[in-house]
Amino acid sequence: MQMGSGRGSGMGRGGGRQGLGPVRECRCTNCGYTQSHQPGVPCANQACPKCGSVMVGV
């Protein structure tokens, strides 16, 4: 197996794209209610205070 010159088209060291950043608010999947996100508490673990459905981070 032969080694190249190290100038390939790979992502390289520390490559990869960054995420969108922290979640700012949680939104209900049913009624659309939004509330601010509490750090350390996943939105999916919170129930909507209006209708009780699952919340998602946005």
PDB file of N, CA and C in Angstrom:
ATOM      1  N   MET A   1       0.846  -1.173   0.000  1.00  0.00           N
ATOM      2  CA  MET A   1       0.000   0.000   0.000  1.00  0.00           C
ATOM      3  C   MET A   1       0.893   1.238   0.000  1.00  0.00           C
ATOM      4  N   GLN A   2       0.685   2.114  -0.938  1.00  0.00           N
ATOM      5  CA  GLN A   2       1.537   3.283  -1.091  1.00  0.00           C
ATOM      6  C   GLN A   2       0.885   4.514  -0.466  1.00  0.00           C
ATOM      7  N   MET A   3       1.690   5.308   0.212  1.00  0.00           N
ATOM      8  CA  MET A   3       1.192   6.530   0.838  1.00  0.00           C
ATOM      9  C   MET A   3       1.309   7.672  -0.159  1.00  0.00           C
ATOM     10  N   GLY A   4       0.302   8.532  -0.188  1.00  0.00           N
ATOM     11  CA  GLY A   4       0.311   9.685  -1.079  1.00  0.00           C
ATOM     12  C   GLY A   4       1.086  10.845  -0.472  1.00  0.00           C
ATOM     13  N   SER A   5       0.951  11.985  -1.062  1.00  0.00           N
ATOM     14  CA  SER A   5       1.685  13.165  -0.605  1.00  0.00           C
ATOM     15  C   SER A   5       0.964  13.904   0.519  1.00  0.00           C
ATOM     16  N   GLY A   6      -0.190  13.393   0.956  1.00  0.00           N
ATOM     17  CA  GLY A   6      -0.903  14.043   2.045  1.00  0.00           C
ATOM     18  C   GLY A   6      -1.763  15.208   1.588  1.00  0.00           C
ATOM     19  N   ARG A   7      -2.048  15.277   0.316  1.00  0.00           N
ATOM     20  CA  ARG A   7      -2.856  16.376  -0.198  1.00  0.00           C
ATOM     21  C   ARG A   7      -4.161  15.860  -0.799  1.00  0.00           C
ATOM     22  N   GLY A   8      -4.770  14.936  -0.101  1.00  0.00           N
ATOM     23  CA  GLY A   8      -6.011  14.345  -0.594  1.00  0.00           C
ATOM     24  C   GLY A   8      -7.192  15.285  -0.436  1.00  0.00           C
ATOM     25  N   SER A   9      -8.358  14.772  -0.762  1.00  0.00           N
ATOM     26  CA  SER A   9      -9.556  15.605  -0.696  1.00  0.00           C
ATOM     27  C   SER A   9     -10.388  15.322   0.550  1.00  0.00           C
ATOM     28  N   GLY A  10      -9.793  14.655   1.553  1.00  0.00           N
ATOM     29  CA  GLY A  10     -10.521  14.347   2.779  1.00  0.00           C
ATOM     30  C   GLY A  10     -10.767  15.595   3.616  1.00  0.00           C
ATOM     31  N   MET A  11     -11.560  15.427   4.673  1.00  0.00           N
ATOM     32  CA  MET A  11     -11.890  16.552   5.543  1.00  0.00           C
ATOM     33  C   MET A  11     -10.693  16.995   6.372  1.00  0.00           C
ATOM     34  N   GLY A  12      -9.744  16.092   6.592  1.00  0.00           N
ATOM     35  CA  GLY A  12      -8.559  16.471   7.346  1.00  0.00           C
ATOM     36  C   GLY A  12      -8.799  16.474   8.839  1.00  0.00           C
ATOM     37  N   ARG A  13      -7.794  16.880   9.534  1.00  0.00           N
ATOM     38  CA  ARG A  13      -7.823  16.887  10.989  1.00  0.00           C
ATOM     39  C   ARG A  13      -8.807  17.935  11.514  1.00  0.00           C
ATOM     40  N   GLY A  14      -9.672  17.525  12.409  1.00  0.00           N
ATOM     41  CA  GLY A  14     -10.628  18.456  12.993  1.00  0.00           C
ATOM     42  C   GLY A  14     -11.698  18.915  12.022  1.00  0.00           C
ATOM     43  N   GLY A  15     -11.865  18.181  10.936  1.00  0.00           N
ATOM     44  CA  GLY A  15     -12.816  18.592   9.911  1.00  0.00           C
ATOM     45  C   GLY A  15     -14.249  18.330  10.329  1.00  0.00           C
ATOM     46  N   GLY A  16     -15.117  18.481   9.425  1.00  0.00           N
ATOM     47  CA  GLY A  16     -16.529  18.296   9.705  1.00  0.00           C
ATOM     48  C   GLY A  16     -17.206  19.638   9.898  1.00  0.00           C
ATOM     49  N   ARG A  17     -18.470  19.653   9.650  1.00  0.00           N
ATOM     50  CA  ARG A  17     -19.211  20.905   9.775  1.00  0.00           C
ATOM     51  C   ARG A  17     -19.686  21.088  11.199  1.00  0.00           C
ATOM     52  N   GLN A  18     -19.839  22.314  11.572  1.00  0.00           N
ATOM     53  CA  GLN A  18     -20.334  22.635  12.900  1.00  0.00           C
ATOM     54  C   GLN A  18     -21.853  22.569  12.905  1.00  0.00           C
ATOM     55  N   GLY A  19     -22.419  22.358  14.067  1.00  0.00           N
ATOM     56  CA  GLY A  19     -23.868  22.319  14.204  1.00  0.00           C
ATOM     57  C   GLY A  19     -24.459  23.721  14.137  1.00  0.00           C
ATOM     58  N   LEU A  20     -25.727  23.803  14.366  1.00  0.00           N
ATOM     59  CA  LEU A  20     -26.425  25.079  14.295  1.00  0.00           C
ATOM     60  C   LEU A  20     -26.296  25.897  15.566  1.00  0.00           C
ATOM     61  N   GLY A  21     -25.657  25.349  16.577  1.00  0.00           N
ATOM     62  CA  GLY A  21     -25.529  26.064  17.837  1.00  0.00           C
ATOM     63  C   GLY A  21     -26.581  25.583  18.819  1.00  0.00           C
ATOM     64  N   PRO A  22     -26.618  26.211  19.974  1.00  0.00           N
ATOM     65  CA  PRO A  22     -27.559  25.759  20.993  1.00  0.00           C
ATOM     66  C   PRO A  22     -29.007  26.061  20.621  1.00  0.00           C
ATOM     67  N   VAL A  23     -29.891  25.245  21.141  1.00  0.00           N
ATOM     68  CA  VAL A  23     -31.325  25.441  20.938  1.00  0.00           C
ATOM     69  C   VAL A  23     -31.747  26.674  21.728  1.00  0.00           C
ATOM     70  N   ARG A  24     -32.538  27.535  21.126  1.00  0.00           N
ATOM     71  CA  ARG A  24     -32.966  28.755  21.804  1.00  0.00           C
ATOM     72  C   ARG A  24     -34.362  28.642  22.391  1.00  0.00           C
ATOM     73  N   GLU A  25     -35.207  27.854  21.749  1.00  0.00           N
ATOM     74  CA  GLU A  25     -36.555  27.685  22.287  1.00  0.00           C
ATOM     75  C   GLU A  25     -37.087  26.301  21.970  1.00  0.00           C
ATOM     76  N   CYS A  26     -38.106  25.904  22.713  1.00  0.00           N
ATOM     77  CA  CYS A  26     -38.784  24.633  22.509  1.00  0.00           C
ATOM     78  C   CYS A  26     -40.163  24.929  21.940  1.00  0.00           C
ATOM     79  N   ARG A  27     -40.565  24.153  20.933  1.00  0.00           N
ATOM     80  CA  ARG A  27     -41.858  24.363  20.278  1.00  0.00           C
ATOM     81  C   ARG A  27     -42.673  23.076  20.347  1.00  0.00           C
ATOM     82  N   CYS A  28     -43.969  23.237  20.580  1.00  0.00           N
ATOM     83  CA  CYS A  28     -44.883  22.099  20.638  1.00  0.00           C
ATOM     84  C   CYS A  28     -45.136  21.578  19.224  1.00  0.00           C
ATOM     85  N   THR A  29     -45.090  20.252  19.076  1.00  0.00           N
ATOM     86  CA  THR A  29     -45.326  19.646  17.764  1.00  0.00           C
ATOM     87  C   THR A  29     -46.803  19.630  17.404  1.00  0.00           C
ATOM     88  N   ASN A  30     -47.677  19.879  18.375  1.00  0.00           N
ATOM     89  CA  ASN A  30     -49.115  19.817  18.131  1.00  0.00           C
ATOM     90  C   ASN A  30     -49.736  21.201  17.943  1.00  0.00           C
ATOM     91  N   CYS A  31     -49.576  22.082  18.935  1.00  0.00           N
ATOM     92  CA  CYS A  31     -50.270  23.377  18.884  1.00  0.00           C
ATOM     93  C   CYS A  31     -49.367  24.551  18.506  1.00  0.00           C
ATOM     94  N   GLY A  32     -48.037  24.331  18.457  1.00  0.00           N
ATOM     95  CA  GLY A  32     -47.128  25.393  18.052  1.00  0.00           C
ATOM     96  C   GLY A  32     -46.679  26.317  19.174  1.00  0.00           C
ATOM     97  N   TYR A  33     -47.096  26.063  20.415  1.00  0.00           N
ATOM     98  CA  TYR A  33     -46.678  26.882  21.559  1.00  0.00           C
ATOM     99  C   TYR A  33     -45.156  26.863  21.671  1.00  0.00           C
ATOM    100  N   THR A  34     -44.550  28.008  21.965  1.00  0.00           N
ATOM    101  CA  THR A  34     -43.096  28.074  22.149  1.00  0.00           C
ATOM    102  C   THR A  34     -42.772  28.617  23.530  1.00  0.00           C
ATOM    103  N   GLN A  35     -41.648  28.134  24.065  1.00  0.00           N
ATOM    104  CA  GLN A  35     -41.120  28.642  25.325  1.00  0.00           C
ATOM    105  C   GLN A  35     -39.609  28.608  25.238  1.00  0.00           C
ATOM    106  N   SER A  36     -38.941  29.417  26.043  1.00  0.00           N
ATOM    107  CA  SER A  36     -37.486  29.469  25.989  1.00  0.00           C
ATOM    108  C   SER A  36     -36.906  28.155  26.509  1.00  0.00           C
ATOM    109  N   HIS A  37     -35.782  27.757  25.912  1.00  0.00           N
ATOM    110  CA  HIS A  37     -35.120  26.504  26.270  1.00  0.00           C
ATOM    111  C   HIS A  37     -34.354  26.669  27.571  1.00  0.00           C
ATOM    112  N   GLN A  38     -34.446  25.663  28.443  1.00  0.00           N
ATOM    113  CA  GLN A  38     -33.697  25.660  29.695  1.00  0.00           C
ATOM    114  C   GLN A  38     -32.452  24.813  29.493  1.00  0.00           C
ATOM    115  N   PRO A  39     -31.243  25.392  29.633  1.00  0.00           N
ATOM    116  CA  PRO A  39     -30.010  24.627  29.451  1.00  0.00           C
ATOM    117  C   PRO A  39     -29.983  23.384  30.344  1.00  0.00           C
ATOM    118  N   GLY A  40     -29.567  22.273  29.761  1.00  0.00           N
ATOM    119  CA  GLY A  40     -29.472  21.013  30.488  1.00  0.00           C
ATOM    120  C   GLY A  40     -30.755  20.198  30.507  1.00  0.00           C
ATOM    121  N   VAL A  41     -31.847  20.752  29.997  1.00  0.00           N
ATOM    122  CA  VAL A  41     -33.126  20.036  29.956  1.00  0.00           C
ATOM    123  C   VAL A  41     -33.541  19.893  28.495  1.00  0.00           C
ATOM    124  N   PRO A  42     -33.448  18.680  27.921  1.00  0.00           N
ATOM    125  CA  PRO A  42     -33.840  18.497  26.523  1.00  0.00           C
ATOM    126  C   PRO A  42     -35.304  18.855  26.296  1.00  0.00           C
ATOM    127  N   CYS A  43     -35.570  19.521  25.192  1.00  0.00           N
ATOM    128  CA  CYS A  43     -36.950  19.895  24.859  1.00  0.00           C
ATOM    129  C   CYS A  43     -37.842  18.660  24.771  1.00  0.00           C
ATOM    130  N   ALA A  44     -37.292  17.557  24.260  1.00  0.00           N
ATOM    131  CA  ALA A  44     -38.074  16.332  24.088  1.00  0.00           C
ATOM    132  C   ALA A  44     -38.539  15.751  25.423  1.00  0.00           C
ATOM    133  N   ASN A  45     -37.907  16.158  26.520  1.00  0.00           N
ATOM    134  CA  ASN A  45     -38.307  15.676  27.844  1.00  0.00           C
ATOM    135  C   ASN A  45     -39.359  16.573  28.488  1.00  0.00           C
ATOM    136  N   GLN A  46     -39.771  17.616  27.796  1.00  0.00           N
ATOM    137  CA  GLN A  46     -40.755  18.547  28.337  1.00  0.00           C
ATOM    138  C   GLN A  46     -42.089  18.370  27.618  1.00  0.00           C
ATOM    139  N   ALA A  47     -43.154  18.476  28.374  1.00  0.00           N
ATOM    140  CA  ALA A  47     -44.501  18.426  27.799  1.00  0.00           C
ATOM    141  C   ALA A  47     -44.995  19.854  27.614  1.00  0.00           C
ATOM    142  N   CYS A  48     -45.758  20.073  26.578  1.00  0.00           N
ATOM    143  CA  CYS A  48     -46.337  21.387  26.311  1.00  0.00           C
ATOM    144  C   CYS A  48     -47.293  21.753  27.447  1.00  0.00           C
ATOM    145  N   PRO A  49     -47.149  22.945  28.031  1.00  0.00           N
ATOM    146  CA  PRO A  49     -48.049  23.338  29.115  1.00  0.00           C
ATOM    147  C   PRO A  49     -49.487  23.593  28.654  1.00  0.00           C
ATOM    148  N   LYS A  50     -49.687  23.814  27.355  1.00  0.00           N
ATOM    149  CA  LYS A  50     -51.041  24.073  26.844  1.00  0.00           C
ATOM    150  C   LYS A  50     -51.790  22.791  26.504  1.00  0.00           C
ATOM    151  N   CYS A  51     -51.109  21.858  25.793  1.00  0.00           N
ATOM    152  CA  CYS A  51     -51.834  20.668  25.322  1.00  0.00           C
ATOM    153  C   CYS A  51     -51.212  19.341  25.764  1.00  0.00           C
ATOM    154  N   GLY A  52     -50.007  19.369  26.351  1.00  0.00           N
ATOM    155  CA  GLY A  52     -49.384  18.150  26.853  1.00  0.00           C
ATOM    156  C   GLY A  52     -48.603  17.350  25.832  1.00  0.00           C
ATOM    157  N   SER A  53     -48.487  17.831  24.595  1.00  0.00           N
ATOM    158  CA  SER A  53     -47.752  17.104  23.556  1.00  0.00           C
ATOM    159  C   SER A  53     -46.245  17.280  23.725  1.00  0.00           C
ATOM    160  N   VAL A  54     -45.491  16.586  22.902  1.00  0.00           N
ATOM    161  CA  VAL A  54     -44.033  16.623  22.932  1.00  0.00           C
ATOM    162  C   VAL A  54     -43.518  17.954  22.386  1.00  0.00           C
ATOM    163  N   MET A  55     -42.453  18.467  23.008  1.00  0.00           N
ATOM    164  CA  MET A  55     -41.802  19.692  22.548  1.00  0.00           C
ATOM    165  C   MET A  55     -40.547  19.302  21.766  1.00  0.00           C
ATOM    166  N   VAL A  56     -40.138  20.143  20.818  1.00  0.00           N
ATOM    167  CA  VAL A  56     -38.905  19.940  20.060  1.00  0.00           C
ATOM    168  C   VAL A  56     -38.097  21.227  20.088  1.00  0.00           C
ATOM    169  N   GLY A  57     -36.774  21.085  19.989  1.00  0.00           N
ATOM    170  CA  GLY A  57     -35.907  22.254  19.984  1.00  0.00           C
ATOM    171  C   GLY A  57     -35.845  22.905  18.622  1.00  0.00           C
ATOM    172  N   VAL A  58     -35.896  24.230  18.607  1.00  0.00           N
ATOM    173  CA  VAL A  58     -35.773  25.001  17.359  1.00  0.00           C
ATOM    174  C   VAL A  58     -34.815  26.150  17.553  1.00  0.00           C
TER     175      VAL A  58
END
